[in-house]
Amino acid sequence: MRDTIRNAIFSRIVDGTYSAGDRLIELNLAREFNVSQAPVREALRALEALGLVDCERYRGTRVRAPKVSDLREAYEMRAILEERAAQLAVPCPPELLQELGLHLKKMHAAAHSLEAAAYAQEAIRFHRKIVAASGNRIFLDTWDTLQLEMRAHLAVLHVGETVQHYAQAHDEILEALMHDDGARAGLLLRRLMERFLATLTEPGTRT
């Protein structure tokens, strides 16, 4: 239930239903979702870890505006982790390559339709499967704790390029994995993250 509440509040922050400075009252949210205040409190703490709310004792919880600076550290870690994961993932089994290909196809379709949220969802699935294929449980646990699925949705709001550019970059990553070239796939993943970081912009400056 915590995740359901977290995702609902997250969506409201992203779509503007909740604005920066708005107060989120645990009791009201608990009544809305028909739960105790405990899962609401856990959901708000998860959002605080993403930098989307400020929780202060005796003062309550207020919405924060998403900031580029809140994304950078997670994506810097992601660049390092995914590069090594790709190196360990080869040789990739045929079923994994097929799954990655399906995600990539959906990424291109979403990019063509300018559906940034759908693109982010498929992209994060693509990357997570590569990390999982590394066989390193700690890599995957670390990747998951970064809450990248939610950060990816935030990131597309700030990136200074259209998602088409990023969808195309994944073609080369998949090709390298198909040729069992983990070093190249890892390098391409790291460069993709670095390129992404270099083009992040604050709201209102998107090109």
Protein backbone atom coordinates (compact mmCIF):
# COMPACT_ATOMS: atom_id res chain seq x y z
CA MET A 1 0.00 0.00 0.00
CA ARG A 2 2.92 2.30 0.69
CA ASP A 3 4.04 2.11 -2.93
CA THR A 4 0.52 2.82 -4.20
CA ILE A 5 0.31 5.95 -2.06
CA ARG A 6 3.84 7.01 -3.00
CA ASN A 7 3.13 6.63 -6.70
CA ALA A 8 -0.13 8.55 -6.45
CA ILE A 9 1.50 11.48 -4.65
CA PHE A 10 4.45 11.35 -7.04
CA SER A 11 2.13 11.62 -10.05
CA ARG A 12 0.34 14.59 -8.50
CA ILE A 13 3.63 16.40 -7.96
CA VAL A 14 4.81 15.71 -11.50
CA ASP A 15 1.54 16.73 -13.16
CA GLY A 16 1.19 19.88 -11.07
CA THR A 17 -1.76 18.83 -8.93
CA TYR A 18 0.48 19.54 -5.94
CA SER A 19 2.63 22.65 -6.23
CA ALA A 20 5.83 23.56 -4.43
CA GLY A 21 4.99 24.66 -0.91
CA ASP A 22 1.72 22.74 -0.69
CA ARG A 23 1.26 20.99 2.64
CA LEU A 24 0.57 17.25 2.63
CA ILE A 25 -1.39 16.23 5.70
CA GLU A 26 -0.92 12.61 6.73
CA LEU A 27 -4.37 12.25 8.27
CA ASN A 28 -6.12 13.55 5.16
CA LEU A 29 -4.13 11.25 2.91
CA ALA A 30 -4.81 8.30 5.20
CA ARG A 31 -8.53 8.98 4.95
CA GLU A 32 -8.34 9.33 1.17
CA PHE A 33 -6.59 5.98 0.75
CA ASN A 34 -8.52 4.35 3.59
CA VAL A 35 -5.40 3.31 5.49
CA SER A 36 -3.66 4.10 8.76
CA GLN A 37 -1.13 6.92 8.86
CA ALA A 38 1.82 4.48 8.93
CA PRO A 39 1.92 3.65 5.17
CA VAL A 40 1.32 7.32 4.36
CA ARG A 41 4.29 8.28 6.52
CA GLU A 42 6.45 5.65 4.79
CA ALA A 43 5.37 6.91 1.37
CA LEU A 44 6.26 10.48 2.29
CA ARG A 45 9.69 9.40 3.53
CA ALA A 46 10.32 7.65 0.21
CA LEU A 47 9.41 10.86 -1.60
CA GLU A 48 11.66 12.82 0.72
CA ALA A 49 14.55 10.58 -0.36
CA LEU A 50 13.81 11.67 -3.93
CA GLY A 51 13.92 15.31 -2.88
CA LEU A 52 10.25 15.87 -3.69
CA VAL A 53 9.02 16.73 -0.21
CA ASP A 54 10.42 18.13 3.01
CA CYS A 55 9.34 16.34 6.18
CA GLU A 56 9.94 18.34 9.34
CA ARG A 57 8.96 17.20 12.79
CA TYR A 58 6.13 19.26 14.27
CA ARG A 59 5.90 21.26 11.04
CA GLY A 60 4.53 18.62 8.70
CA THR A 61 5.35 17.80 5.10
CA ARG A 62 5.51 20.22 2.20
CA VAL A 63 6.08 19.69 -1.51
CA ARG A 64 9.43 20.69 -3.00
CA ALA A 65 9.95 21.66 -6.62
CA PRO A 66 11.93 18.94 -8.46
CA LYS A 67 15.52 20.10 -8.92
CA VAL A 68 18.20 19.01 -11.35
CA SER A 69 20.70 18.83 -8.50
CA ASP A 70 18.60 16.08 -6.91
CA LEU A 71 19.09 13.90 -10.00
CA ARG A 72 22.81 14.29 -10.56
CA GLU A 73 24.25 12.13 -7.81
CA ALA A 74 21.95 9.20 -8.61
CA TYR A 75 22.81 9.34 -12.30
CA GLU A 76 26.53 9.62 -11.62
CA MET A 77 26.31 6.41 -9.60
CA ARG A 78 24.19 4.84 -12.31
CA ALA A 79 26.86 5.55 -14.94
CA ILE A 80 29.50 3.66 -12.97
CA LEU A 81 27.23 0.78 -12.02
CA GLU A 82 25.74 0.16 -15.45
CA GLU A 83 29.10 0.21 -17.21
CA ARG A 84 30.38 -2.65 -15.09
CA ALA A 85 27.03 -4.47 -15.21
CA ALA A 86 27.14 -4.58 -19.01
CA GLN A 87 30.65 -6.01 -18.92
CA LEU A 88 29.46 -8.81 -16.64
CA ALA A 89 26.22 -9.43 -18.55
CA VAL A 90 27.84 -10.92 -21.66
CA PRO A 91 27.33 -13.34 -23.19
CA CYS A 92 23.63 -12.50 -23.05
CA PRO A 93 21.12 -15.33 -23.47
CA PRO A 94 18.86 -15.04 -26.55
CA GLU A 95 15.75 -14.48 -24.44
CA LEU A 96 17.34 -11.45 -22.76
CA LEU A 97 18.31 -9.94 -26.10
CA GLN A 98 14.77 -10.50 -27.32
CA GLU A 99 13.32 -8.77 -24.25
CA LEU A 100 15.70 -5.84 -24.64
CA GLY A 101 14.70 -5.58 -28.28
CA LEU A 102 11.02 -5.39 -27.35
CA HIS A 103 11.69 -2.64 -24.81
CA LEU A 104 13.74 -0.77 -27.39
CA LYS A 105 10.94 -1.03 -29.94
CA LYS A 106 8.51 0.47 -27.41
CA MET A 107 11.04 3.19 -26.58
CA HIS A 108 11.23 4.23 -30.22
CA ALA A 109 7.44 4.23 -30.52
CA ALA A 110 7.08 6.39 -27.41
CA ALA A 111 9.84 8.74 -28.56
CA HIS A 112 8.21 9.10 -31.98
CA SER A 113 4.90 9.96 -30.31
CA LEU A 114 6.66 12.33 -27.87
CA GLU A 115 5.30 10.32 -24.94
CA ALA A 116 8.07 11.04 -22.46
CA ALA A 117 6.53 9.12 -19.55
CA ALA A 118 6.06 5.97 -21.64
CA TYR A 119 9.60 6.31 -22.94
CA ALA A 120 10.99 6.62 -19.41
CA GLN A 121 9.12 3.51 -18.29
CA GLU A 122 10.48 1.35 -21.11
CA ALA A 123 13.99 2.78 -20.84
CA ILE A 124 14.22 1.99 -17.15
CA ARG A 125 13.10 -1.59 -17.81
CA PHE A 126 15.75 -1.91 -20.52
CA HIS A 127 18.51 -0.74 -18.19
CA ARG A 128 17.35 -2.74 -15.18
CA LYS A 129 17.44 -5.98 -17.16
CA ILE A 130 21.05 -5.32 -18.10
CA VAL A 131 21.93 -4.76 -14.44
CA ALA A 132 20.07 -7.92 -13.43
CA ALA A 133 21.89 -9.88 -16.15
CA SER A 134 25.21 -9.00 -14.51
CA GLY A 135 24.44 -11.64 -11.89
CA ASN A 136 25.63 -9.28 -9.17
CA ARG A 137 22.89 -9.07 -6.56
CA ILE A 138 24.46 -6.08 -4.82
CA PHE A 139 24.54 -4.18 -8.12
CA LEU A 140 20.82 -4.78 -8.58
CA ASP A 141 19.98 -3.95 -4.97
CA THR A 142 21.95 -0.71 -5.23
CA TRP A 143 20.32 0.16 -8.55
CA ASP A 144 16.88 -0.41 -7.02
CA THR A 145 17.60 1.72 -3.96
CA LEU A 146 18.31 4.66 -6.26
CA GLN A 147 14.58 4.61 -7.14
CA LEU A 148 15.52 5.11 -10.77
CA GLU A 149 12.07 4.32 -12.09
CA MET A 150 10.73 7.45 -10.44
CA ARG A 151 13.84 9.52 -11.09
CA ALA A 152 13.61 8.70 -14.80
CA HIS A 153 10.14 10.22 -14.96
CA LEU A 154 11.49 13.34 -13.27
CA ALA A 155 14.53 13.43 -15.52
CA VAL A 156 12.61 13.68 -18.78
CA LEU A 157 11.07 16.89 -17.46
CA HIS A 158 14.50 18.50 -17.29
CA VAL A 159 16.53 17.04 -20.13
CA GLY A 160 17.57 19.54 -22.76
CA GLU A 161 17.15 17.17 -25.68
CA THR A 162 14.18 15.24 -27.03
CA VAL A 163 13.90 11.60 -26.07
CA GLN A 164 14.40 10.54 -29.71
CA HIS A 165 18.13 11.15 -29.31
CA TYR A 166 18.27 8.81 -26.36
CA ALA A 167 16.20 6.08 -27.98
CA GLN A 168 18.63 6.00 -30.90
CA ALA A 169 21.60 5.68 -28.55
CA HIS A 170 20.15 2.45 -27.16
CA ASP A 171 20.33 0.82 -30.60
CA GLU A 172 24.12 0.76 -30.34
CA ILE A 173 24.01 -0.61 -26.80
CA LEU A 174 21.83 -3.52 -27.86
CA GLU A 175 24.00 -4.17 -30.90
CA ALA A 176 27.12 -4.37 -28.72
CA LEU A 177 25.41 -6.83 -26.37
CA MET A 178 24.31 -8.94 -29.34
CA HIS A 179 27.97 -9.19 -30.35
CA ASP A 180 29.04 -10.09 -26.79
CA ASP A 181 31.02 -6.86 -26.59
CA GLY A 182 30.44 -6.00 -22.96
CA ALA A 183 33.23 -3.44 -22.89
CA ARG A 184 31.67 -1.44 -25.70
CA ALA A 185 28.16 -1.78 -24.28
CA GLY A 186 29.41 -0.55 -20.91
CA LEU A 187 31.24 2.36 -22.48
CA LEU A 188 28.12 3.34 -24.43
CA LEU A 189 26.01 3.18 -21.28
CA ARG A 190 28.44 5.38 -19.37
CA ARG A 191 28.62 7.88 -22.23
CA LEU A 192 24.82 7.93 -22.40
CA MET A 193 24.62 8.84 -18.72
CA GLU A 194 27.34 11.48 -19.12
CA ARG A 195 25.56 12.98 -22.11
CA PHE A 196 22.34 13.00 -20.16
CA LEU A 197 23.96 14.76 -17.22
CA ALA A 198 25.51 17.35 -19.52
CA THR A 199 22.13 18.28 -21.00
CA LEU A 200 20.08 18.50 -17.83
CA THR A 201 18.46 21.90 -17.53
CA GLU A 202 16.44 23.65 -14.88
CA PRO A 203 12.71 24.05 -15.54
CA GLY A 204 12.00 26.87 -17.95
CA THR A 205 15.30 26.52 -19.82
CA ARG A 206 14.48 23.43 -21.83
CA THR A 207 15.43 23.59 -25.50
